[in-house]
Amino acid sequence: MKNCLPNGRNQQGFTLVEMMVVVVIVGILITIAVPVYNKVTATAEEKACLANIKIIEGAMEVYKAANGTLPGSVGDLMEEKKRGPFLKEKPRCPSDNQDYVLSN
């Protein structure tokens, strides 16, 4: 068995240099990945807000066709009026968790 090991030393495990190289590589990958992740998250939140606005606009048009007037607030789209509710739940902007406000 001693013939397999050079100089009779135990060769199990990693050296400090090998471990430091791995730590540096992981650090570089994290440095690249975090800003990309933040940008993707911000873009997704922005697109979700725009999609919510389109849904609200569509619900407003259906409300107007059913009731003859535009709703005063997003809450009106959720009430049981003539053919309502036109929205199942109140949409919130994912970026700042704010309610949407209608402007006529």
PDB file of N, CA and C in Angstrom:
ATOM      1  N   MET A   1       0.818  -1.189   0.000  1.00  0.00           N
ATOM      2  CA  MET A   1       0.000   0.000   0.000  1.00  0.00           C
ATOM      3  C   MET A   1       0.862   1.254   0.000  1.00  0.00           C
ATOM      4  N   LYS A   2       1.981   1.229   0.688  1.00  0.00           N
ATOM      5  CA  LYS A   2       2.851   2.402   0.730  1.00  0.00           C
ATOM      6  C   LYS A   2       3.473   2.701  -0.625  1.00  0.00           C
ATOM      7  N   ASN A   3       3.531   1.723  -1.496  1.00  0.00           N
ATOM      8  CA  ASN A   3       4.093   1.939  -2.824  1.00  0.00           C
ATOM      9  C   ASN A   3       3.187   2.825  -3.680  1.00  0.00           C
ATOM     10  N   CYS A   4       1.893   2.899  -3.382  1.00  0.00           N
ATOM     11  CA  CYS A   4       0.950   3.715  -4.151  1.00  0.00           C
ATOM     12  C   CYS A   4       1.088   5.192  -3.828  1.00  0.00           C
ATOM     13  N   LEU A   5       1.525   5.534  -2.642  1.00  0.00           N
ATOM     14  CA  LEU A   5       1.632   6.921  -2.219  1.00  0.00           C
ATOM     15  C   LEU A   5       3.056   7.421  -2.419  1.00  0.00           C
ATOM     16  N   PRO A   6       3.230   8.570  -3.080  1.00  0.00           N
ATOM     17  CA  PRO A   6       4.577   9.102  -3.244  1.00  0.00           C
ATOM     18  C   PRO A   6       5.134   9.583  -1.908  1.00  0.00           C
ATOM     19  N   ASN A   7       6.369   9.242  -1.623  1.00  0.00           N
ATOM     20  CA  ASN A   7       7.082   9.650  -0.413  1.00  0.00           C
ATOM     21  C   ASN A   7       6.372   9.239   0.870  1.00  0.00           C
ATOM     22  N   GLY A   8       5.421   8.338   0.792  1.00  0.00           N
ATOM     23  CA  GLY A   8       4.746   7.856   1.984  1.00  0.00           C
ATOM     24  C   GLY A   8       3.786   8.865   2.594  1.00  0.00           C
ATOM     25  N   ARG A   9       3.453   9.990   1.869  1.00  0.00           N
ATOM     26  CA  ARG A   9       2.530  10.996   2.419  1.00  0.00           C
ATOM     27  C   ARG A   9       1.079  10.641   2.069  1.00  0.00           C
ATOM     28  N   ASN A  10       0.199  11.030   2.915  1.00  0.00           N
ATOM     29  CA  ASN A  10      -1.230  10.846   2.689  1.00  0.00           C
ATOM     30  C   ASN A  10      -1.701  11.920   1.710  1.00  0.00           C
ATOM     31  N   GLN A  11      -2.296  11.552   0.584  1.00  0.00           N
ATOM     32  CA  GLN A  11      -2.692  12.494  -0.462  1.00  0.00           C
ATOM     33  C   GLN A  11      -4.200  12.760  -0.483  1.00  0.00           C
ATOM     34  N   GLN A  12      -4.876  12.642   0.618  1.00  0.00           N
ATOM     35  CA  GLN A  12      -6.308  12.868   0.654  1.00  0.00           C
ATOM     36  C   GLN A  12      -6.608  14.348   0.881  1.00  0.00           C
ATOM     37  N   GLY A  13      -7.721  14.847   0.285  1.00  0.00           N
ATOM     38  CA  GLY A  13      -8.170  16.215   0.511  1.00  0.00           C
ATOM     39  C   GLY A  13      -7.615  17.189  -0.517  1.00  0.00           C
ATOM     40  N   PHE A  14      -7.893  18.466  -0.292  1.00  0.00           N
ATOM     41  CA  PHE A  14      -7.476  19.529  -1.190  1.00  0.00           C
ATOM     42  C   PHE A  14      -6.447  20.405  -0.506  1.00  0.00           C
ATOM     43  N   THR A  15      -5.615  21.057  -1.304  1.00  0.00           N
ATOM     44  CA  THR A  15      -4.641  21.988  -0.742  1.00  0.00           C
ATOM     45  C   THR A  15      -5.314  23.341  -0.528  1.00  0.00           C
ATOM     46  N   LEU A  16      -4.677  24.194   0.219  1.00  0.00           N
ATOM     47  CA  LEU A  16      -5.210  25.535   0.477  1.00  0.00           C
ATOM     48  C   LEU A  16      -5.312  26.329  -0.820  1.00  0.00           C
ATOM     49  N   VAL A  17      -4.356  26.177  -1.701  1.00  0.00           N
ATOM     50  CA  VAL A  17      -4.374  26.897  -2.978  1.00  0.00           C
ATOM     51  C   VAL A  17      -5.573  26.467  -3.816  1.00  0.00           C
ATOM     52  N   GLU A  18      -5.860  25.187  -3.864  1.00  0.00           N
ATOM     53  CA  GLU A  18      -7.011  24.700  -4.616  1.00  0.00           C
ATOM     54  C   GLU A  18      -8.314  25.257  -4.042  1.00  0.00           C
ATOM     55  N   MET A  19      -8.407  25.278  -2.734  1.00  0.00           N
ATOM     56  CA  MET A  19      -9.612  25.818  -2.095  1.00  0.00           C
ATOM     57  C   MET A  19      -9.758  27.310  -2.374  1.00  0.00           C
ATOM     58  N   MET A  20      -8.663  28.057  -2.340  1.00  0.00           N
ATOM     59  CA  MET A  20      -8.713  29.493  -2.613  1.00  0.00           C
ATOM     60  C   MET A  20      -9.120  29.761  -4.064  1.00  0.00           C
ATOM     61  N   VAL A  21      -8.653  28.943  -5.003  1.00  0.00           N
ATOM     62  CA  VAL A  21      -9.045  29.099  -6.405  1.00  0.00           C
ATOM     63  C   VAL A  21     -10.552  28.902  -6.545  1.00  0.00           C
ATOM     64  N   VAL A  22     -11.096  27.905  -5.889  1.00  0.00           N
ATOM     65  CA  VAL A  22     -12.541  27.665  -5.938  1.00  0.00           C
ATOM     66  C   VAL A  22     -13.299  28.842  -5.342  1.00  0.00           C
ATOM     67  N   VAL A  23     -12.841  29.374  -4.223  1.00  0.00           N
ATOM     68  CA  VAL A  23     -13.501  30.516  -3.584  1.00  0.00           C
ATOM     69  C   VAL A  23     -13.473  31.730  -4.513  1.00  0.00           C
ATOM     70  N   VAL A  24     -12.355  31.982  -5.180  1.00  0.00           N
ATOM     71  CA  VAL A  24     -12.256  33.116  -6.107  1.00  0.00           C
ATOM     72  C   VAL A  24     -13.212  32.930  -7.281  1.00  0.00           C
ATOM     73  N   ILE A  25     -13.286  31.726  -7.839  1.00  0.00           N
ATOM     74  CA  ILE A  25     -14.183  31.461  -8.965  1.00  0.00           C
ATOM     75  C   ILE A  25     -15.640  31.658  -8.547  1.00  0.00           C
ATOM     76  N   VAL A  26     -16.011  31.155  -7.386  1.00  0.00           N
ATOM     77  CA  VAL A  26     -17.387  31.331  -6.892  1.00  0.00           C
ATOM     78  C   VAL A  26     -17.679  32.815  -6.682  1.00  0.00           C
ATOM     79  N   GLY A  27     -16.724  33.552  -6.149  1.00  0.00           N
ATOM     80  CA  GLY A  27     -16.900  34.997  -5.963  1.00  0.00           C
ATOM     81  C   GLY A  27     -17.120  35.728  -7.272  1.00  0.00           C
ATOM     82  N   ILE A  28     -16.365  35.361  -8.295  1.00  0.00           N
ATOM     83  CA  ILE A  28     -16.532  35.986  -9.610  1.00  0.00           C
ATOM     84  C   ILE A  28     -17.906  35.661 -10.182  1.00  0.00           C
ATOM     85  N   LEU A  29     -18.346  34.425 -10.054  1.00  0.00           N
ATOM     86  CA  LEU A  29     -19.664  34.038 -10.555  1.00  0.00           C
ATOM     87  C   LEU A  29     -20.782  34.798  -9.836  1.00  0.00           C
ATOM     88  N   ILE A  30     -20.649  34.967  -8.536  1.00  0.00           N
ATOM     89  CA  ILE A  30     -21.656  35.708  -7.776  1.00  0.00           C
ATOM     90  C   ILE A  30     -21.649  37.172  -8.186  1.00  0.00           C
ATOM     91  N   THR A  31     -20.470  37.734  -8.416  1.00  0.00           N
ATOM     92  CA  THR A  31     -20.362  39.131  -8.834  1.00  0.00           C
ATOM     93  C   THR A  31     -21.060  39.355 -10.171  1.00  0.00           C
ATOM     94  N   ILE A  32     -21.030  38.377 -11.036  1.00  0.00           N
ATOM     95  CA  ILE A  32     -21.698  38.487 -12.328  1.00  0.00           C
ATOM     96  C   ILE A  32     -23.191  38.208 -12.194  1.00  0.00           C
ATOM     97  N   ALA A  33     -23.563  37.235 -11.395  1.00  0.00           N
ATOM     98  CA  ALA A  33     -24.946  36.768 -11.336  1.00  0.00           C
ATOM     99  C   ALA A  33     -25.887  37.722 -10.602  1.00  0.00           C
ATOM    100  N   VAL A  34     -25.443  38.365  -9.543  1.00  0.00           N
ATOM    101  CA  VAL A  34     -26.345  39.199  -8.732  1.00  0.00           C
ATOM    102  C   VAL A  34     -26.899  40.382  -9.526  1.00  0.00           C
ATOM    103  N   PRO A  35     -26.081  41.170 -10.233  1.00  0.00           N
ATOM    104  CA  PRO A  35     -26.662  42.272 -11.014  1.00  0.00           C
ATOM    105  C   PRO A  35     -27.596  41.785 -12.128  1.00  0.00           C
ATOM    106  N   VAL A  36     -27.277  40.676 -12.742  1.00  0.00           N
ATOM    107  CA  VAL A  36     -28.149  40.127 -13.783  1.00  0.00           C
ATOM    108  C   VAL A  36     -29.484  39.725 -13.173  1.00  0.00           C
ATOM    109  N   TYR A  37     -29.458  39.084 -12.023  1.00  0.00           N
ATOM    110  CA  TYR A  37     -30.686  38.677 -11.335  1.00  0.00           C
ATOM    111  C   TYR A  37     -31.524  39.904 -10.955  1.00  0.00           C
ATOM    112  N   ASN A  38     -30.875  40.945 -10.434  1.00  0.00           N
ATOM    113  CA  ASN A  38     -31.607  42.159 -10.049  1.00  0.00           C
ATOM    114  C   ASN A  38     -32.257  42.815 -11.261  1.00  0.00           C
ATOM    115  N   LYS A  39     -31.565  42.828 -12.389  1.00  0.00           N
ATOM    116  CA  LYS A  39     -32.121  43.427 -13.601  1.00  0.00           C
ATOM    117  C   LYS A  39     -33.310  42.613 -14.105  1.00  0.00           C
ATOM    118  N   VAL A  40     -33.192  41.299 -14.093  1.00  0.00           N
ATOM    119  CA  VAL A  40     -34.293  40.438 -14.535  1.00  0.00           C
ATOM    120  C   VAL A  40     -35.501  40.615 -13.622  1.00  0.00           C
ATOM    121  N   THR A  41     -35.274  40.709 -12.325  1.00  0.00           N
ATOM    122  CA  THR A  41     -36.368  40.903 -11.370  1.00  0.00           C
ATOM    123  C   THR A  41     -37.070  42.229 -11.610  1.00  0.00           C
ATOM    124  N   ALA A  42     -36.296  43.293 -11.813  1.00  0.00           N
ATOM    125  CA  ALA A  42     -36.890  44.608 -12.057  1.00  0.00           C
ATOM    126  C   ALA A  42     -37.696  44.617 -13.349  1.00  0.00           C
ATOM    127  N   THR A  43     -37.177  43.980 -14.385  1.00  0.00           N
ATOM    128  CA  THR A  43     -37.897  43.906 -15.658  1.00  0.00           C
ATOM    129  C   THR A  43     -39.195  43.118 -15.506  1.00  0.00           C
ATOM    130  N   ALA A  44     -39.160  42.027 -14.772  1.00  0.00           N
ATOM    131  CA  ALA A  44     -40.363  41.219 -14.556  1.00  0.00           C
ATOM    132  C   ALA A  44     -41.419  42.004 -13.779  1.00  0.00           C
ATOM    133  N   GLU A  45     -41.001  42.758 -12.769  1.00  0.00           N
ATOM    134  CA  GLU A  45     -41.953  43.562 -11.999  1.00  0.00           C
ATOM    135  C   GLU A  45     -42.583  44.644 -12.873  1.00  0.00           C
ATOM    136  N   GLU A  46     -41.771  45.272 -13.718  1.00  0.00           N
ATOM    137  CA  GLU A  46     -42.286  46.301 -14.618  1.00  0.00           C
ATOM    138  C   GLU A  46     -43.301  45.716 -15.592  1.00  0.00           C
ATOM    139  N   LYS A  47     -42.992  44.566 -16.161  1.00  0.00           N
ATOM    140  CA  LYS A  47     -43.911  43.932 -17.113  1.00  0.00           C
ATOM    141  C   LYS A  47     -45.180  43.456 -16.421  1.00  0.00           C
ATOM    142  N   ALA A  48     -45.070  43.022 -15.169  1.00  0.00           N
ATOM    143  CA  ALA A  48     -46.262  42.608 -14.420  1.00  0.00           C
ATOM    144  C   ALA A  48     -47.176  43.808 -14.176  1.00  0.00           C
ATOM    145  N   CYS A  49     -46.582  44.969 -13.859  1.00  0.00           N
ATOM    146  CA  CYS A  49     -47.387  46.181 -13.675  1.00  0.00           C
ATOM    147  C   CYS A  49     -48.099  46.564 -14.966  1.00  0.00           C
ATOM    148  N   LEU A  50     -47.373  46.499 -16.085  1.00  0.00           N
ATOM    149  CA  LEU A  50     -47.989  46.823 -17.372  1.00  0.00           C
ATOM    150  C   LEU A  50     -49.105  45.841 -17.719  1.00  0.00           C
ATOM    151  N   ALA A  51     -48.912  44.570 -17.413  1.00  0.00           N
ATOM    152  CA  ALA A  51     -49.960  43.574 -17.661  1.00  0.00           C
ATOM    153  C   ALA A  51     -51.185  43.842 -16.792  1.00  0.00           C
ATOM    154  N   ASN A  52     -50.965  44.212 -15.536  1.00  0.00           N
ATOM    155  CA  ASN A  52     -52.087  44.548 -14.656  1.00  0.00           C
ATOM    156  C   ASN A  52     -52.858  45.742 -15.189  1.00  0.00           C
ATOM    157  N   ILE A  53     -52.141  46.739 -15.707  1.00  0.00           N
ATOM    158  CA  ILE A  53     -52.800  47.924 -16.257  1.00  0.00           C
ATOM    159  C   ILE A  53     -53.674  47.533 -17.453  1.00  0.00           C
ATOM    160  N   LYS A  54     -53.167  46.656 -18.318  1.00  0.00           N
ATOM    161  CA  LYS A  54     -53.952  46.197 -19.467  1.00  0.00           C
ATOM    162  C   LYS A  54     -55.210  45.455 -19.002  1.00  0.00           C
ATOM    163  N   ILE A  55     -55.076  44.645 -17.967  1.00  0.00           N
ATOM    164  CA  ILE A  55     -56.238  43.911 -17.429  1.00  0.00           C
ATOM    165  C   ILE A  55     -57.266  44.886 -16.868  1.00  0.00           C
ATOM    166  N   ILE A  56     -56.792  45.891 -16.145  1.00  0.00           N
ATOM    167  CA  ILE A  56     -57.703  46.890 -15.571  1.00  0.00           C
ATOM    168  C   ILE A  56     -58.399  47.666 -16.682  1.00  0.00           C
ATOM    169  N   GLU A  57     -57.653  48.038 -17.731  1.00  0.00           N
ATOM    170  CA  GLU A  57     -58.262  48.758 -18.857  1.00  0.00           C
ATOM    171  C   GLU A  57     -59.337  47.914 -19.533  1.00  0.00           C
ATOM    172  N   GLY A  58     -59.084  46.635 -19.705  1.00  0.00           N
ATOM    173  CA  GLY A  58     -60.092  45.752 -20.290  1.00  0.00           C
ATOM    174  C   GLY A  58     -61.320  45.634 -19.411  1.00  0.00           C
ATOM    175  N   ALA A  59     -61.106  45.511 -18.112  1.00  0.00           N
ATOM    176  CA  ALA A  59     -62.231  45.425 -17.172  1.00  0.00           C
ATOM    177  C   ALA A  59     -63.029  46.729 -17.160  1.00  0.00           C
ATOM    178  N   MET A  60     -62.345  47.861 -17.322  1.00  0.00           N
ATOM    179  CA  MET A  60     -63.041  49.151 -17.383  1.00  0.00           C
ATOM    180  C   MET A  60     -63.947  49.227 -18.608  1.00  0.00           C
ATOM    181  N   GLU A  61     -63.468  48.715 -19.743  1.00  0.00           N
ATOM    182  CA  GLU A  61     -64.285  48.731 -20.959  1.00  0.00           C
ATOM    183  C   GLU A  61     -65.515  47.840 -20.805  1.00  0.00           C
ATOM    184  N   VAL A  62     -65.360  46.677 -20.211  1.00  0.00           N
ATOM    185  CA  VAL A  62     -66.496  45.787 -19.985  1.00  0.00           C
ATOM    186  C   VAL A  62     -67.471  46.429 -19.003  1.00  0.00           C
ATOM    187  N   TYR A  63     -66.945  47.074 -17.949  1.00  0.00           N
ATOM    188  CA  TYR A  63     -67.783  47.773 -16.972  1.00  0.00           C
ATOM    189  C   TYR A  63     -68.590  48.869 -17.663  1.00  0.00           C
ATOM    190  N   LYS A  64     -67.906  49.632 -18.524  1.00  0.00           N
ATOM    191  CA  LYS A  64     -68.579  50.728 -19.234  1.00  0.00           C
ATOM    192  C   LYS A  64     -69.684  50.182 -20.137  1.00  0.00           C
ATOM    193  N   ALA A  65     -69.421  49.077 -20.815  1.00  0.00           N
ATOM    194  CA  ALA A  65     -70.441  48.486 -21.682  1.00  0.00           C
ATOM    195  C   ALA A  65     -71.630  47.978 -20.873  1.00  0.00           C
ATOM    196  N   ALA A  66     -71.386  47.452 -19.689  1.00  0.00           N
ATOM    197  CA  ALA A  66     -72.468  46.891 -18.870  1.00  0.00           C
ATOM    198  C   ALA A  66     -73.231  47.956 -18.105  1.00  0.00           C
ATOM    199  N   ASN A  67     -72.537  49.011 -17.661  1.00  0.00           N
ATOM    200  CA  ASN A  67     -73.164  49.989 -16.774  1.00  0.00           C
ATOM    201  C   ASN A  67     -73.362  51.367 -17.405  1.00  0.00           C
ATOM    202  N   GLY A  68     -72.794  51.611 -18.548  1.00  0.00           N
ATOM    203  CA  GLY A  68     -72.990  52.898 -19.212  1.00  0.00           C
ATOM    204  C   GLY A  68     -72.040  53.997 -18.777  1.00  0.00           C
ATOM    205  N   THR A  69     -71.288  53.790 -17.716  1.00  0.00           N
ATOM    206  CA  THR A  69     -70.329  54.793 -17.239  1.00  0.00           C
ATOM    207  C   THR A  69     -69.023  54.099 -16.872  1.00  0.00           C
ATOM    208  N   LEU A  70     -67.999  54.888 -16.742  1.00  0.00           N
ATOM    209  CA  LEU A  70     -66.714  54.343 -16.298  1.00  0.00           C
ATOM    210  C   LEU A  70     -66.722  54.173 -14.782  1.00  0.00           C
ATOM    211  N   PRO A  71     -65.983  53.215 -14.257  1.00  0.00           N
ATOM    212  CA  PRO A  71     -65.929  53.042 -12.799  1.00  0.00           C
ATOM    213  C   PRO A  71     -65.153  54.186 -12.152  1.00  0.00           C
ATOM    214  N   GLY A  72     -65.485  54.463 -10.902  1.00  0.00           N
ATOM    215  CA  GLY A  72     -64.786  55.520 -10.172  1.00  0.00           C
ATOM    216  C   GLY A  72     -63.479  55.048  -9.573  1.00  0.00           C
ATOM    217  N   SER A  73     -63.390  53.753  -9.293  1.00  0.00           N
ATOM    218  CA  SER A  73     -62.168  53.208  -8.697  1.00  0.00           C
ATOM    219  C   SER A  73     -62.027  51.745  -9.094  1.00  0.00           C
ATOM    220  N   VAL A  74     -60.870  51.188  -8.794  1.00  0.00           N
ATOM    221  CA  VAL A  74     -60.643  49.768  -9.069  1.00  0.00           C
ATOM    222  C   VAL A  74     -61.598  48.926  -8.225  1.00  0.00           C
ATOM    223  N   GLY A  75     -61.940  49.410  -7.040  1.00  0.00           N
ATOM    224  CA  GLY A  75     -62.882  48.696  -6.184  1.00  0.00           C
ATOM    225  C   GLY A  75     -64.245  48.520  -6.834  1.00  0.00           C
ATOM    226  N   ASP A  76     -64.656  49.504  -7.658  1.00  0.00           N
ATOM    227  CA  ASP A  76     -65.933  49.389  -8.361  1.00  0.00           C
ATOM    228  C   ASP A  76     -65.941  48.213  -9.332  1.00  0.00           C
ATOM    229  N   LEU A  77     -64.774  47.871  -9.863  1.00  0.00           N
ATOM    230  CA  LEU A  77     -64.680  46.754 -10.810  1.00  0.00           C
ATOM    231  C   LEU A  77     -64.872  45.410 -10.116  1.00  0.00           C
ATOM    232  N   MET A  78     -64.770  45.400  -8.793  1.00  0.00           N
ATOM    233  CA  MET A  78     -64.892  44.156  -8.041  1.00  0.00           C
ATOM    234  C   MET A  78     -66.277  43.987  -7.425  1.00  0.00           C
ATOM    235  N   GLU A  79     -67.114  45.013  -7.507  1.00  0.00           N
ATOM    236  CA  GLU A  79     -68.437  44.949  -6.893  1.00  0.00           C
ATOM    237  C   GLU A  79     -69.421  44.224  -7.806  1.00  0.00           C
ATOM    238  N   GLU A  80     -70.453  43.698  -7.194  1.00  0.00           N
ATOM    239  CA  GLU A  80     -71.509  42.993  -7.924  1.00  0.00           C
ATOM    240  C   GLU A  80     -72.502  44.021  -8.454  1.00  0.00           C
ATOM    241  N   LYS A  81     -72.182  44.628  -9.580  1.00  0.00           N
ATOM    242  CA  LYS A  81     -73.137  45.542 -10.218  1.00  0.00           C
ATOM    243  C   LYS A  81     -73.935  44.730 -11.232  1.00  0.00           C
ATOM    244  N   LYS A  82     -74.337  45.316 -12.339  1.00  0.00           N
ATOM    245  CA  LYS A  82     -75.190  44.622 -13.306  1.00  0.00           C
ATOM    246  C   LYS A  82     -74.632  43.266 -13.707  1.00  0.00           C
ATOM    247  N   ARG A  83     -73.429  43.223 -14.201  1.00  0.00           N
ATOM    248  CA  ARG A  83     -72.845  41.958 -14.639  1.00  0.00           C
ATOM    249  C   ARG A  83     -71.512  41.705 -13.946  1.00  0.00           C
ATOM    250  N   GLY A  84     -71.286  42.317 -12.821  1.00  0.00           N
ATOM    251  CA  GLY A  84     -69.984  42.205 -12.156  1.00  0.00           C
ATOM    252  C   GLY A  84     -69.877  40.944 -11.337  1.00  0.00           C
ATOM    253  N   PRO A  85     -68.820  40.743 -10.680  1.00  0.00           N
ATOM    254  CA  PRO A  85     -67.622  41.585 -10.653  1.00  0.00           C
ATOM    255  C   PRO A  85     -66.778  41.394 -11.917  1.00  0.00           C
ATOM    256  N   PHE A  86     -66.048  42.425 -12.271  1.00  0.00           N
ATOM    257  CA  PHE A  86     -65.242  42.399 -13.481  1.00  0.00           C
ATOM    258  C   PHE A  86     -63.791  42.026 -13.193  1.00  0.00           C
ATOM    259  N   LEU A  87     -63.406  42.073 -11.946  1.00  0.00           N
ATOM    260  CA  LEU A  87     -62.093  41.594 -11.493  1.00  0.00           C
ATOM    261  C   LEU A  87     -62.309  40.672 -10.307  1.00  0.00           C
ATOM    262  N   LYS A  88     -61.576  39.575 -10.242  1.00  0.00           N
ATOM    263  CA  LYS A  88     -61.707  38.646  -9.119  1.00  0.00           C
ATOM    264  C   LYS A  88     -61.067  39.186  -7.859  1.00  0.00           C
ATOM    265  N   GLU A  89     -59.909  39.818  -8.016  1.00  0.00           N
ATOM    266  CA  GLU A  89     -59.211  40.369  -6.853  1.00  0.00           C
ATOM    267  C   GLU A  89     -58.559  41.673  -7.244  1.00  0.00           C
ATOM    268  N   LYS A  90     -58.251  42.480  -6.254  1.00  0.00           N
ATOM    269  CA  LYS A  90     -57.661  43.790  -6.499  1.00  0.00           C
ATOM    270  C   LYS A  90     -56.194  43.626  -6.885  1.00  0.00           C
ATOM    271  N   PRO A  91     -55.824  44.068  -8.088  1.00  0.00           N
ATOM    272  CA  PRO A  91     -54.418  43.944  -8.486  1.00  0.00           C
ATOM    273  C   PRO A  91     -53.544  44.944  -7.751  1.00  0.00           C
ATOM    274  N   ARG A  92     -52.322  44.536  -7.464  1.00  0.00           N
ATOM    275  CA  ARG A  92     -51.346  45.398  -6.799  1.00  0.00           C
ATOM    276  C   ARG A  92     -50.064  45.368  -7.620  1.00  0.00           C
ATOM    277  N   CYS A  93     -49.400  46.503  -7.668  1.00  0.00           N
ATOM    278  CA  CYS A  93     -48.142  46.589  -8.404  1.00  0.00           C
ATOM    279  C   CYS A  93     -47.079  45.821  -7.623  1.00  0.00           C
ATOM    280  N   PRO A  94     -46.409  44.821  -8.245  1.00  0.00           N
ATOM    281  CA  PRO A  94     -45.443  44.014  -7.504  1.00  0.00           C
ATOM    282  C   PRO A  94     -44.178  44.758  -7.091  1.00  0.00           C
ATOM    283  N   SER A  95     -43.843  45.841  -7.791  1.00  0.00           N
ATOM    284  CA  SER A  95     -42.596  46.526  -7.453  1.00  0.00           C
ATOM    285  C   SER A  95     -42.704  47.308  -6.152  1.00  0.00           C
ATOM    286  N   ASP A  96     -43.851  47.956  -5.909  1.00  0.00           N
ATOM    287  CA  ASP A  96     -43.988  48.741  -4.674  1.00  0.00           C
ATOM    288  C   ASP A  96     -45.208  48.353  -3.851  1.00  0.00           C
ATOM    289  N   ASN A  97     -45.946  47.328  -4.288  1.00  0.00           N
ATOM    290  CA  ASN A  97     -47.109  46.788  -3.575  1.00  0.00           C
ATOM    291  C   ASN A  97     -48.183  47.848  -3.340  1.00  0.00           C
ATOM    292  N   GLN A  98     -48.322  48.771  -4.285  1.00  0.00           N
ATOM    293  CA  GLN A  98     -49.320  49.833  -4.200  1.00  0.00           C
ATOM    294  C   GLN A  98     -50.567  49.453  -4.989  1.00  0.00           C
ATOM    295  N   ASP A  99     -51.704  50.029  -4.598  1.00  0.00           N
ATOM    296  CA  ASP A  99     -52.935  49.862  -5.367  1.00  0.00           C
ATOM    297  C   ASP A  99     -52.890  50.743  -6.606  1.00  0.00           C
ATOM    298  N   TYR A 100     -53.612  50.333  -7.632  1.00  0.00           N
ATOM    299  CA  TYR A 100     -53.719  51.138  -8.850  1.00  0.00           C
ATOM    300  C   TYR A 100     -54.815  52.161  -8.659  1.00  0.00           C
ATOM    301  N   VAL A 101     -54.619  53.350  -9.223  1.00  0.00           N
ATOM    302  CA  VAL A 101     -55.607  54.427  -9.140  1.00  0.00           C
ATOM    303  C   VAL A 101     -56.073  54.737 -10.547  1.00  0.00           C
ATOM    304  N   LEU A 102     -57.398  54.793 -10.744  1.00  0.00           N
ATOM    305  CA  LEU A 102     -57.945  55.088 -12.057  1.00  0.00           C
ATOM    306  C   LEU A 102     -57.951  56.586 -12.284  1.00  0.00           C
ATOM    307  N   SER A 103     -57.618  56.980 -13.507  1.00  0.00           N
ATOM    308  CA  SER A 103     -57.724  58.395 -13.889  1.00  0.00           C
ATOM    309  C   SER A 103     -58.490  58.461 -15.189  1.00  0.00           C
ATOM    310  N   ASN A 104     -59.507  59.286 -15.208  1.00  0.00           N
ATOM    311  CA  ASN A 104     -60.373  59.391 -16.403  1.00  0.00           C
ATOM    312  C   ASN A 104     -59.951  60.553 -17.253  1.00  0.00           C
TER     313      ASN A 104
END
